[in-house]
N, C-alpha and C. Protein backbone atom coordinates (compact mmCIF):
# COMPACT_ATOMS: atom_id res chain seq x y z
N MET A 1 20.00 45.18 1.91
CA MET A 1 21.03 44.76 0.96
C MET A 1 22.11 45.82 0.90
N TYR A 2 23.35 45.38 0.78
CA TYR A 2 24.50 46.29 0.68
C TYR A 2 24.42 47.08 -0.61
N THR A 3 24.58 48.40 -0.54
CA THR A 3 24.49 49.24 -1.75
C THR A 3 25.73 50.08 -1.95
N GLY A 4 26.85 49.69 -1.33
CA GLY A 4 28.10 50.46 -1.44
C GLY A 4 28.80 50.25 -2.76
N VAL A 5 30.04 49.80 -2.70
CA VAL A 5 30.91 49.62 -3.87
C VAL A 5 30.28 48.63 -4.86
N GLU A 6 30.22 49.00 -6.13
CA GLU A 6 29.49 48.22 -7.15
C GLU A 6 29.95 46.76 -7.26
N PRO A 7 31.28 46.47 -7.33
CA PRO A 7 31.68 45.05 -7.44
C PRO A 7 31.24 44.22 -6.23
N VAL A 8 31.25 44.83 -5.05
CA VAL A 8 30.83 44.14 -3.83
C VAL A 8 29.33 43.88 -3.88
N ALA A 9 28.57 44.88 -4.26
CA ALA A 9 27.11 44.73 -4.36
C ALA A 9 26.76 43.66 -5.40
N ARG A 10 27.51 43.64 -6.51
CA ARG A 10 27.23 42.64 -7.55
C ARG A 10 27.51 41.23 -7.06
N LEU A 11 28.62 41.05 -6.32
CA LEU A 11 28.94 39.72 -5.80
C LEU A 11 27.90 39.25 -4.79
N ILE A 12 27.47 40.16 -3.93
CA ILE A 12 26.41 39.81 -2.97
C ILE A 12 25.15 39.37 -3.73
N GLU A 13 24.80 40.12 -4.76
CA GLU A 13 23.61 39.79 -5.55
C GLU A 13 23.76 38.41 -6.21
N GLU A 14 24.95 38.11 -6.73
CA GLU A 14 25.17 36.80 -7.37
C GLU A 14 25.08 35.67 -6.34
N PHE A 15 25.63 35.87 -5.14
CA PHE A 15 25.55 34.84 -4.09
C PHE A 15 24.10 34.56 -3.70
N THR A 16 23.25 35.60 -3.68
CA THR A 16 21.85 35.38 -3.26
C THR A 16 21.08 34.54 -4.28
N LYS A 17 21.62 34.37 -5.48
CA LYS A 17 20.98 33.53 -6.50
C LYS A 17 21.22 32.04 -6.26
N LEU A 18 22.16 31.72 -5.36
CA LEU A 18 22.47 30.32 -5.05
C LEU A 18 21.43 29.77 -4.08
N PRO A 19 21.12 28.46 -4.18
CA PRO A 19 20.12 27.88 -3.27
C PRO A 19 20.60 27.92 -1.83
N GLY A 20 19.71 28.32 -0.95
CA GLY A 20 20.02 28.33 0.48
C GLY A 20 20.83 29.52 0.94
N ILE A 21 21.13 30.45 0.06
CA ILE A 21 21.92 31.64 0.42
C ILE A 21 20.99 32.86 0.43
N GLY A 22 20.78 33.38 1.62
CA GLY A 22 19.97 34.60 1.76
C GLY A 22 20.88 35.82 1.73
N PRO A 23 20.28 37.01 1.85
CA PRO A 23 21.07 38.25 1.79
C PRO A 23 22.17 38.34 2.85
N LYS A 24 21.88 37.95 4.09
CA LYS A 24 22.88 38.04 5.16
C LYS A 24 24.06 37.11 4.90
N THR A 25 23.77 35.86 4.50
CA THR A 25 24.84 34.91 4.20
C THR A 25 25.65 35.39 3.00
N ALA A 26 24.97 35.94 2.00
CA ALA A 26 25.66 36.47 0.82
C ALA A 26 26.63 37.58 1.21
N GLN A 27 26.20 38.44 2.12
CA GLN A 27 27.09 39.51 2.59
C GLN A 27 28.28 38.94 3.34
N ARG A 28 28.04 37.95 4.22
CA ARG A 28 29.15 37.35 4.98
C ARG A 28 30.16 36.69 4.04
N LEU A 29 29.66 35.95 3.03
CA LEU A 29 30.56 35.30 2.09
C LEU A 29 31.39 36.33 1.31
N THR A 30 30.74 37.39 0.88
CA THR A 30 31.42 38.43 0.10
C THR A 30 32.53 39.08 0.92
N PHE A 31 32.21 39.47 2.15
CA PHE A 31 33.22 40.13 2.98
C PHE A 31 34.32 39.16 3.42
N HIS A 32 33.98 37.87 3.53
CA HIS A 32 35.02 36.87 3.79
C HIS A 32 36.00 36.81 2.60
N LEU A 33 35.45 36.80 1.39
CA LEU A 33 36.31 36.78 0.20
C LEU A 33 37.19 38.02 0.11
N LEU A 34 36.66 39.15 0.52
CA LEU A 34 37.46 40.39 0.52
C LEU A 34 38.68 40.28 1.43
N ARG A 35 38.55 39.54 2.52
CA ARG A 35 39.65 39.38 3.47
C ARG A 35 40.65 38.30 3.05
N LEU A 36 40.27 37.44 2.12
CA LEU A 36 41.17 36.37 1.67
C LEU A 36 42.36 36.94 0.90
N PRO A 37 43.52 36.24 0.96
CA PRO A 37 44.62 36.62 0.08
C PRO A 37 44.17 36.47 -1.38
N ALA A 38 44.70 37.30 -2.26
CA ALA A 38 44.28 37.33 -3.66
C ALA A 38 44.40 35.96 -4.32
N GLU A 39 45.45 35.20 -3.99
CA GLU A 39 45.63 33.89 -4.65
C GLU A 39 44.54 32.89 -4.25
N GLN A 40 44.04 32.97 -3.03
CA GLN A 40 42.94 32.09 -2.61
C GLN A 40 41.64 32.46 -3.32
N ALA A 41 41.38 33.73 -3.47
CA ALA A 41 40.18 34.18 -4.17
C ALA A 41 40.25 33.78 -5.64
N ARG A 42 41.43 33.93 -6.25
CA ARG A 42 41.60 33.52 -7.65
C ARG A 42 41.43 32.02 -7.80
N SER A 43 41.93 31.26 -6.84
CA SER A 43 41.81 29.80 -6.88
C SER A 43 40.33 29.39 -6.86
N LEU A 44 39.53 30.04 -6.02
CA LEU A 44 38.09 29.78 -5.98
C LEU A 44 37.45 30.12 -7.32
N ALA A 45 37.79 31.28 -7.87
CA ALA A 45 37.22 31.69 -9.16
C ALA A 45 37.60 30.70 -10.26
N GLU A 46 38.85 30.24 -10.26
CA GLU A 46 39.31 29.27 -11.27
C GLU A 46 38.57 27.94 -11.12
N ALA A 47 38.33 27.51 -9.88
CA ALA A 47 37.60 26.26 -9.65
C ALA A 47 36.18 26.35 -10.21
N ILE A 48 35.53 27.50 -10.03
CA ILE A 48 34.18 27.69 -10.57
C ILE A 48 34.20 27.64 -12.09
N VAL A 49 35.16 28.32 -12.71
CA VAL A 49 35.27 28.35 -14.17
C VAL A 49 35.55 26.94 -14.70
N GLN A 50 36.45 26.20 -14.03
CA GLN A 50 36.76 24.84 -14.48
C GLN A 50 35.55 23.92 -14.43
N VAL A 51 34.74 24.05 -13.39
CA VAL A 51 33.52 23.24 -13.29
C VAL A 51 32.62 23.51 -14.48
N LYS A 52 32.45 24.77 -14.82
CA LYS A 52 31.58 25.13 -15.95
C LYS A 52 32.18 24.72 -17.29
N ASP A 53 33.51 24.75 -17.40
CA ASP A 53 34.17 24.42 -18.68
C ASP A 53 34.37 22.93 -18.90
N ARG A 54 34.60 22.16 -17.82
CA ARG A 54 35.04 20.77 -17.99
C ARG A 54 34.04 19.71 -17.55
N VAL A 55 33.04 20.08 -16.77
CA VAL A 55 32.10 19.09 -16.25
C VAL A 55 30.79 19.17 -17.04
N PHE A 56 30.29 18.00 -17.45
CA PHE A 56 29.03 17.92 -18.19
C PHE A 56 28.31 16.66 -17.76
N PHE A 57 27.19 16.34 -18.41
CA PHE A 57 26.41 15.17 -18.03
C PHE A 57 26.71 14.01 -18.95
N CYS A 58 26.88 12.82 -18.36
CA CYS A 58 27.11 11.59 -19.12
C CYS A 58 25.93 11.36 -20.06
N SER A 59 26.21 10.99 -21.29
CA SER A 59 25.13 10.77 -22.27
C SER A 59 24.35 9.49 -21.98
N THR A 60 24.89 8.62 -21.12
CA THR A 60 24.20 7.37 -20.79
C THR A 60 23.34 7.51 -19.54
N CYS A 61 23.98 7.90 -18.43
CA CYS A 61 23.27 7.92 -17.14
C CYS A 61 22.89 9.32 -16.66
N HIS A 62 23.46 10.35 -17.29
CA HIS A 62 23.18 11.75 -16.94
C HIS A 62 23.78 12.19 -15.62
N ASN A 63 24.78 11.43 -15.11
CA ASN A 63 25.53 11.86 -13.94
C ASN A 63 26.57 12.88 -14.40
N ILE A 64 27.14 13.63 -13.47
CA ILE A 64 28.19 14.58 -13.84
C ILE A 64 29.47 13.82 -14.15
N THR A 65 30.24 14.35 -15.11
CA THR A 65 31.45 13.66 -15.55
C THR A 65 32.37 14.61 -16.31
N GLU A 66 33.62 14.17 -16.47
CA GLU A 66 34.57 14.88 -17.34
C GLU A 66 34.81 14.08 -18.61
N THR A 67 34.31 12.82 -18.64
CA THR A 67 34.49 11.96 -19.82
C THR A 67 33.13 11.38 -20.18
N ASP A 68 32.97 11.01 -21.46
CA ASP A 68 31.71 10.43 -21.89
C ASP A 68 31.97 9.10 -22.59
N PRO A 69 31.45 7.98 -22.07
CA PRO A 69 30.61 7.87 -20.88
C PRO A 69 31.41 8.09 -19.60
N CYS A 70 30.69 8.28 -18.49
CA CYS A 70 31.34 8.51 -17.20
C CYS A 70 32.09 7.25 -16.76
N ALA A 71 32.89 7.38 -15.72
CA ALA A 71 33.71 6.27 -15.22
C ALA A 71 32.84 5.09 -14.77
N ILE A 72 31.68 5.36 -14.19
CA ILE A 72 30.81 4.28 -13.71
C ILE A 72 30.23 3.52 -14.89
N CYS A 73 29.70 4.24 -15.88
CA CYS A 73 29.12 3.58 -17.07
C CYS A 73 30.18 2.82 -17.86
N ALA A 74 31.40 3.33 -17.88
CA ALA A 74 32.48 2.70 -18.66
C ALA A 74 33.11 1.51 -17.95
N SER A 75 32.93 1.42 -16.65
CA SER A 75 33.58 0.36 -15.87
C SER A 75 33.02 -1.02 -16.22
N GLN A 76 33.91 -1.96 -16.51
CA GLN A 76 33.52 -3.33 -16.78
C GLN A 76 33.28 -4.11 -15.48
N GLU A 77 33.60 -3.51 -14.35
CA GLU A 77 33.45 -4.17 -13.05
C GLU A 77 32.06 -3.98 -12.45
N ARG A 78 31.25 -3.09 -13.04
CA ARG A 78 29.92 -2.82 -12.50
C ARG A 78 28.94 -3.87 -13.01
N ASP A 79 27.91 -4.15 -12.19
CA ASP A 79 26.87 -5.12 -12.53
C ASP A 79 25.89 -4.46 -13.50
N ARG A 80 25.91 -4.86 -14.75
CA ARG A 80 25.09 -4.24 -15.79
C ARG A 80 23.65 -4.73 -15.78
N SER A 81 23.33 -5.67 -14.89
CA SER A 81 21.95 -6.14 -14.80
C SER A 81 21.14 -5.33 -13.78
N LEU A 82 21.77 -4.32 -13.18
CA LEU A 82 21.17 -3.56 -12.09
C LEU A 82 21.35 -2.06 -12.33
N ILE A 83 20.23 -1.33 -12.36
CA ILE A 83 20.29 0.13 -12.49
C ILE A 83 19.55 0.75 -11.31
N CYS A 84 20.21 1.71 -10.67
CA CYS A 84 19.63 2.46 -9.57
C CYS A 84 19.24 3.84 -10.09
N VAL A 85 17.97 4.18 -10.00
CA VAL A 85 17.46 5.46 -10.49
C VAL A 85 17.39 6.44 -9.32
N VAL A 86 18.07 7.58 -9.50
CA VAL A 86 18.10 8.61 -8.46
C VAL A 86 17.64 9.94 -9.04
N GLU A 87 17.35 10.88 -8.16
CA GLU A 87 16.88 12.19 -8.60
C GLU A 87 18.01 13.10 -9.06
N GLU A 88 19.11 13.13 -8.33
CA GLU A 88 20.18 14.10 -8.58
C GLU A 88 21.56 13.47 -8.51
N PRO A 89 22.57 14.09 -9.15
CA PRO A 89 23.95 13.58 -9.06
C PRO A 89 24.45 13.45 -7.62
N LEU A 90 24.00 14.32 -6.72
CA LEU A 90 24.40 14.21 -5.31
C LEU A 90 23.99 12.88 -4.71
N ASP A 91 22.88 12.31 -5.21
CA ASP A 91 22.41 11.02 -4.70
C ASP A 91 23.37 9.90 -5.12
N VAL A 92 23.96 10.01 -6.31
CA VAL A 92 24.96 9.02 -6.75
C VAL A 92 26.15 9.07 -5.80
N LEU A 93 26.61 10.27 -5.47
CA LEU A 93 27.74 10.40 -4.54
C LEU A 93 27.42 9.76 -3.20
N ALA A 94 26.21 10.00 -2.70
CA ALA A 94 25.81 9.43 -1.41
C ALA A 94 25.81 7.90 -1.46
N LEU A 95 25.25 7.32 -2.52
CA LEU A 95 25.21 5.86 -2.64
C LEU A 95 26.60 5.27 -2.87
N GLU A 96 27.44 5.95 -3.62
CA GLU A 96 28.80 5.47 -3.86
C GLU A 96 29.62 5.46 -2.57
N ARG A 97 29.34 6.39 -1.66
CA ARG A 97 30.06 6.43 -0.38
C ARG A 97 29.84 5.15 0.42
N THR A 98 28.69 4.49 0.23
CA THR A 98 28.40 3.28 0.99
C THR A 98 29.25 2.11 0.54
N ARG A 99 29.75 2.15 -0.69
CA ARG A 99 30.51 1.05 -1.31
C ARG A 99 29.68 -0.23 -1.35
N GLY A 100 28.37 -0.11 -1.19
CA GLY A 100 27.51 -1.29 -1.15
C GLY A 100 26.76 -1.56 -2.44
N PHE A 101 26.82 -0.61 -3.39
CA PHE A 101 26.09 -0.77 -4.64
C PHE A 101 27.09 -0.91 -5.78
N LYS A 102 26.96 -1.98 -6.55
CA LYS A 102 27.92 -2.27 -7.62
C LYS A 102 27.31 -2.19 -9.01
N GLY A 103 26.07 -1.74 -9.11
CA GLY A 103 25.41 -1.64 -10.41
C GLY A 103 25.65 -0.30 -11.07
N LEU A 104 24.77 0.06 -12.00
CA LEU A 104 24.84 1.32 -12.73
C LEU A 104 23.79 2.28 -12.18
N TYR A 105 23.84 3.52 -12.64
CA TYR A 105 22.90 4.55 -12.19
C TYR A 105 22.17 5.17 -13.36
N HIS A 106 21.06 5.84 -13.03
CA HIS A 106 20.39 6.72 -13.98
C HIS A 106 19.89 7.92 -13.18
N VAL A 107 20.31 9.12 -13.58
CA VAL A 107 19.97 10.34 -12.86
C VAL A 107 18.83 11.05 -13.59
N LEU A 108 17.72 11.26 -12.90
CA LEU A 108 16.54 11.89 -13.50
C LEU A 108 16.64 13.41 -13.58
N HIS A 109 17.42 14.02 -12.72
CA HIS A 109 17.54 15.48 -12.59
C HIS A 109 16.22 16.09 -12.14
N GLY A 110 15.67 15.51 -11.07
CA GLY A 110 14.47 16.05 -10.47
C GLY A 110 13.45 14.96 -10.18
N ALA A 111 12.27 15.40 -9.78
CA ALA A 111 11.16 14.50 -9.48
C ALA A 111 9.88 15.16 -9.97
N ILE A 112 8.89 14.34 -10.25
CA ILE A 112 7.60 14.86 -10.71
C ILE A 112 6.99 15.74 -9.62
N SER A 113 6.67 16.97 -9.98
CA SER A 113 6.11 17.91 -9.02
C SER A 113 5.18 18.88 -9.75
N PRO A 114 3.90 18.51 -9.87
CA PRO A 114 2.96 19.40 -10.57
C PRO A 114 2.92 20.81 -9.99
N VAL A 115 3.09 20.94 -8.69
CA VAL A 115 3.06 22.26 -8.04
C VAL A 115 4.16 23.15 -8.60
N ASP A 116 5.34 22.55 -8.88
CA ASP A 116 6.47 23.31 -9.42
C ASP A 116 6.52 23.29 -10.94
N GLY A 117 5.50 22.69 -11.56
CA GLY A 117 5.46 22.63 -13.01
C GLY A 117 6.42 21.62 -13.62
N ILE A 118 6.81 20.61 -12.84
CA ILE A 118 7.73 19.58 -13.34
C ILE A 118 6.94 18.31 -13.60
N GLY A 119 6.80 18.00 -14.88
CA GLY A 119 6.13 16.77 -15.29
C GLY A 119 7.15 15.74 -15.74
N PRO A 120 6.71 14.55 -16.11
CA PRO A 120 7.63 13.49 -16.56
C PRO A 120 8.50 13.90 -17.74
N GLU A 121 7.97 14.76 -18.61
CA GLU A 121 8.72 15.17 -19.80
C GLU A 121 9.93 16.04 -19.46
N GLU A 122 9.95 16.64 -18.26
CA GLU A 122 11.10 17.45 -17.84
C GLU A 122 12.23 16.60 -17.27
N LEU A 123 11.95 15.34 -17.00
CA LEU A 123 12.94 14.44 -16.39
C LEU A 123 13.58 13.55 -17.46
N ARG A 124 14.63 12.86 -17.09
CA ARG A 124 15.35 11.99 -18.03
C ARG A 124 14.74 10.58 -18.04
N ILE A 125 13.41 10.52 -18.20
CA ILE A 125 12.68 9.25 -18.17
C ILE A 125 12.74 8.55 -19.52
N ASP A 126 12.61 9.29 -20.61
CA ASP A 126 12.66 8.68 -21.95
C ASP A 126 13.99 7.97 -22.18
N SER A 127 15.09 8.61 -21.75
CA SER A 127 16.39 7.97 -21.96
C SER A 127 16.55 6.74 -21.07
N LEU A 128 15.90 6.72 -19.90
CA LEU A 128 15.92 5.52 -19.05
C LEU A 128 15.21 4.38 -19.76
N LEU A 129 14.03 4.65 -20.29
CA LEU A 129 13.28 3.60 -20.99
C LEU A 129 14.03 3.10 -22.22
N SER A 130 14.70 3.99 -22.92
CA SER A 130 15.52 3.58 -24.07
C SER A 130 16.67 2.68 -23.63
N ARG A 131 17.28 3.01 -22.49
CA ARG A 131 18.37 2.19 -21.95
C ARG A 131 17.90 0.79 -21.60
N LEU A 132 16.68 0.69 -21.09
CA LEU A 132 16.17 -0.59 -20.60
C LEU A 132 15.76 -1.54 -21.72
N LYS A 133 15.26 -0.99 -22.82
CA LYS A 133 14.76 -1.84 -23.91
C LYS A 133 15.93 -2.56 -24.58
N GLY A 134 15.86 -3.89 -24.60
CA GLY A 134 16.90 -4.71 -25.22
C GLY A 134 18.20 -4.75 -24.44
N SER A 135 18.16 -4.39 -23.16
CA SER A 135 19.39 -4.39 -22.34
C SER A 135 19.40 -5.62 -21.43
N PRO A 136 20.55 -5.90 -20.80
CA PRO A 136 20.63 -7.04 -19.88
C PRO A 136 20.10 -6.73 -18.47
N VAL A 137 19.45 -5.57 -18.31
CA VAL A 137 18.98 -5.15 -16.98
C VAL A 137 17.87 -6.08 -16.49
N LYS A 138 18.06 -6.60 -15.27
CA LYS A 138 17.08 -7.48 -14.65
C LYS A 138 16.31 -6.79 -13.52
N GLU A 139 16.95 -5.75 -12.94
CA GLU A 139 16.32 -5.05 -11.82
C GLU A 139 16.60 -3.57 -11.89
N VAL A 140 15.57 -2.77 -11.62
CA VAL A 140 15.71 -1.32 -11.50
C VAL A 140 15.33 -0.97 -10.06
N ILE A 141 16.28 -0.33 -9.37
CA ILE A 141 16.03 0.13 -8.00
C ILE A 141 15.59 1.59 -8.08
N LEU A 142 14.42 1.90 -7.58
CA LEU A 142 13.93 3.28 -7.56
C LEU A 142 14.37 3.92 -6.24
N ALA A 143 15.38 4.76 -6.33
CA ALA A 143 15.96 5.39 -5.14
C ALA A 143 15.63 6.88 -5.11
N THR A 144 14.39 7.20 -5.46
CA THR A 144 13.94 8.59 -5.36
C THR A 144 13.73 8.91 -3.88
N ASN A 145 13.72 10.19 -3.57
CA ASN A 145 13.60 10.60 -2.17
C ASN A 145 12.26 10.18 -1.58
N PRO A 146 12.24 9.85 -0.27
CA PRO A 146 11.01 9.39 0.37
C PRO A 146 10.11 10.56 0.78
N ASN A 147 9.73 11.37 -0.21
CA ASN A 147 8.79 12.46 0.02
C ASN A 147 7.69 12.35 -1.03
N LEU A 148 6.75 13.27 -1.02
CA LEU A 148 5.60 13.19 -1.92
C LEU A 148 6.02 13.14 -3.39
N GLU A 149 6.95 14.01 -3.79
CA GLU A 149 7.40 14.05 -5.18
C GLU A 149 8.16 12.78 -5.56
N GLY A 150 9.03 12.31 -4.64
CA GLY A 150 9.80 11.10 -4.90
C GLY A 150 8.91 9.87 -5.03
N GLU A 151 7.88 9.79 -4.18
CA GLU A 151 6.95 8.66 -4.24
C GLU A 151 6.14 8.69 -5.53
N ALA A 152 5.68 9.88 -5.93
CA ALA A 152 4.92 10.01 -7.18
C ALA A 152 5.78 9.60 -8.37
N THR A 153 7.04 10.00 -8.36
CA THR A 153 7.97 9.65 -9.45
C THR A 153 8.20 8.15 -9.48
N ALA A 154 8.40 7.54 -8.30
CA ALA A 154 8.64 6.09 -8.23
C ALA A 154 7.42 5.32 -8.75
N MET A 155 6.22 5.73 -8.36
CA MET A 155 5.03 5.04 -8.83
C MET A 155 4.87 5.18 -10.34
N TYR A 156 5.15 6.36 -10.87
CA TYR A 156 5.06 6.59 -12.31
C TYR A 156 6.06 5.69 -13.05
N LEU A 157 7.29 5.64 -12.57
CA LEU A 157 8.32 4.81 -13.21
C LEU A 157 7.98 3.33 -13.12
N GLN A 158 7.45 2.91 -11.98
CA GLN A 158 7.09 1.50 -11.80
C GLN A 158 6.06 1.07 -12.84
N ARG A 159 5.08 1.93 -13.11
CA ARG A 159 4.06 1.62 -14.12
C ARG A 159 4.64 1.52 -15.53
N LEU A 160 5.69 2.28 -15.80
CA LEU A 160 6.32 2.24 -17.13
C LEU A 160 7.29 1.06 -17.29
N ILE A 161 7.98 0.71 -16.21
CA ILE A 161 9.05 -0.30 -16.30
C ILE A 161 8.53 -1.73 -16.15
N SER A 162 7.57 -1.95 -15.28
CA SER A 162 7.06 -3.32 -15.03
C SER A 162 6.64 -4.06 -16.30
N PRO A 163 5.93 -3.41 -17.25
CA PRO A 163 5.54 -4.13 -18.47
C PRO A 163 6.74 -4.61 -19.31
N LEU A 164 7.93 -4.08 -19.04
CA LEU A 164 9.12 -4.50 -19.79
C LEU A 164 9.67 -5.84 -19.29
N GLY A 165 9.06 -6.39 -18.22
CA GLY A 165 9.52 -7.66 -17.67
C GLY A 165 10.75 -7.50 -16.77
N ILE A 166 10.98 -6.30 -16.29
CA ILE A 166 12.12 -6.02 -15.41
C ILE A 166 11.59 -5.84 -13.99
N MET A 167 12.26 -6.47 -13.02
CA MET A 167 11.85 -6.33 -11.63
C MET A 167 12.12 -4.89 -11.17
N VAL A 168 11.14 -4.30 -10.51
CA VAL A 168 11.26 -2.94 -9.99
C VAL A 168 11.23 -3.00 -8.47
N THR A 169 12.28 -2.47 -7.84
CA THR A 169 12.34 -2.45 -6.37
C THR A 169 12.45 -1.00 -5.90
N ARG A 170 12.15 -0.81 -4.63
CA ARG A 170 12.21 0.53 -4.02
C ARG A 170 13.09 0.41 -2.80
N LEU A 171 13.84 1.44 -2.47
CA LEU A 171 14.65 1.41 -1.26
C LEU A 171 13.77 1.15 -0.05
N ALA A 172 14.31 0.41 0.89
CA ALA A 172 13.56 0.12 2.12
C ALA A 172 13.34 1.40 2.90
N ARG A 173 12.44 1.35 3.85
CA ARG A 173 12.07 2.53 4.60
C ARG A 173 13.06 2.88 5.70
N GLY A 174 14.31 2.55 5.51
CA GLY A 174 15.33 2.97 6.47
C GLY A 174 15.58 4.46 6.38
N LEU A 175 15.10 5.08 5.32
CA LEU A 175 15.28 6.51 5.14
C LEU A 175 14.09 7.25 5.72
N PRO A 176 14.32 8.30 6.48
CA PRO A 176 13.19 9.04 7.04
C PRO A 176 12.39 9.75 5.96
N VAL A 177 11.08 9.73 6.10
CA VAL A 177 10.20 10.38 5.13
C VAL A 177 10.45 11.89 5.17
N GLY A 178 10.52 12.50 3.99
CA GLY A 178 10.74 13.93 3.90
C GLY A 178 12.19 14.33 3.83
N SER A 179 13.11 13.35 3.86
CA SER A 179 14.53 13.66 3.81
C SER A 179 15.07 13.48 2.40
N ASP A 180 16.32 13.89 2.18
CA ASP A 180 16.99 13.72 0.90
C ASP A 180 18.12 12.72 1.06
N LEU A 181 18.39 11.93 0.00
CA LEU A 181 19.45 10.92 0.05
C LEU A 181 20.80 11.52 0.40
N GLU A 182 21.09 12.71 -0.10
CA GLU A 182 22.42 13.28 0.10
C GLU A 182 22.74 13.53 1.58
N TYR A 183 21.71 13.61 2.44
CA TYR A 183 21.95 13.87 3.86
C TYR A 183 21.94 12.60 4.71
N ALA A 184 21.66 11.46 4.10
CA ALA A 184 21.62 10.20 4.85
C ALA A 184 23.03 9.68 5.09
N ASP A 185 23.22 9.04 6.24
CA ASP A 185 24.54 8.46 6.53
C ASP A 185 24.71 7.12 5.79
N GLU A 186 25.96 6.63 5.74
CA GLU A 186 26.28 5.42 4.98
C GLU A 186 25.54 4.19 5.49
N VAL A 187 25.41 4.06 6.81
CA VAL A 187 24.74 2.88 7.38
C VAL A 187 23.28 2.85 6.98
N THR A 188 22.61 3.99 7.10
CA THR A 188 21.19 4.07 6.72
C THR A 188 21.00 3.75 5.25
N LEU A 189 21.87 4.31 4.39
CA LEU A 189 21.76 4.04 2.96
C LEU A 189 22.04 2.58 2.63
N THR A 190 23.04 1.99 3.29
CA THR A 190 23.37 0.58 3.05
C THR A 190 22.19 -0.31 3.44
N ARG A 191 21.58 -0.04 4.60
CA ARG A 191 20.42 -0.84 5.03
C ARG A 191 19.24 -0.65 4.09
N ALA A 192 19.06 0.57 3.61
CA ALA A 192 17.95 0.83 2.68
C ALA A 192 18.16 0.08 1.39
N LEU A 193 19.41 0.03 0.90
CA LEU A 193 19.71 -0.74 -0.32
C LEU A 193 19.47 -2.23 -0.10
N GLU A 194 19.97 -2.76 1.00
CA GLU A 194 19.84 -4.20 1.28
C GLU A 194 18.38 -4.60 1.50
N GLY A 195 17.57 -3.69 2.06
CA GLY A 195 16.18 -4.02 2.37
C GLY A 195 15.19 -3.61 1.31
N ARG A 196 15.68 -3.34 0.10
CA ARG A 196 14.75 -2.93 -0.96
C ARG A 196 13.74 -4.03 -1.25
N ARG A 197 12.60 -3.64 -1.81
CA ARG A 197 11.54 -4.62 -2.07
C ARG A 197 10.95 -4.37 -3.44
N GLU A 198 10.33 -5.40 -3.97
CA GLU A 198 9.70 -5.28 -5.27
C GLU A 198 8.45 -4.43 -5.15
N MET A 199 8.18 -3.62 -6.17
CA MET A 199 6.97 -2.77 -6.15
C MET A 199 5.83 -3.48 -6.84
């Protein structure tokens, strides 16, 4: 780890706290920023501050937003009988890129993972169930990732939602097992949406 000038060492240390950034990458990013013109570095810093100051979670679907409710929840053009449940806000972006889904979303902010100490109470499951009770929703699409945690979460949700008389479907197996929605291409995601099945 770099131990020279204190502000540089501190920035490297802060970068290593980000997911997927190791010490070497943190050093490269820091020294890249040092070479940038001051206005570009300030622009990056301002963008980070604005994200923290202006972006929050929608009180309805828990997606990221600048307004409450978010633009998707507020839109009268969306199909209110259909809710797609995803693990993270990045999954909403991936599905929206396909332009193939016209319903609403619900973001869980994770998946059940006993190994990591994440149980159902850590996820936004209670607010999903509250949304469904007395709503016009006819179908819930479980679009959790096709890995062990995503499958466990989908099965848990299916057991909770089915007694409400709402059809529960799962994305088709067009997605490779062990992958994340955010890395899937539009064609794969569109086919997975179209080929969903009842659980």
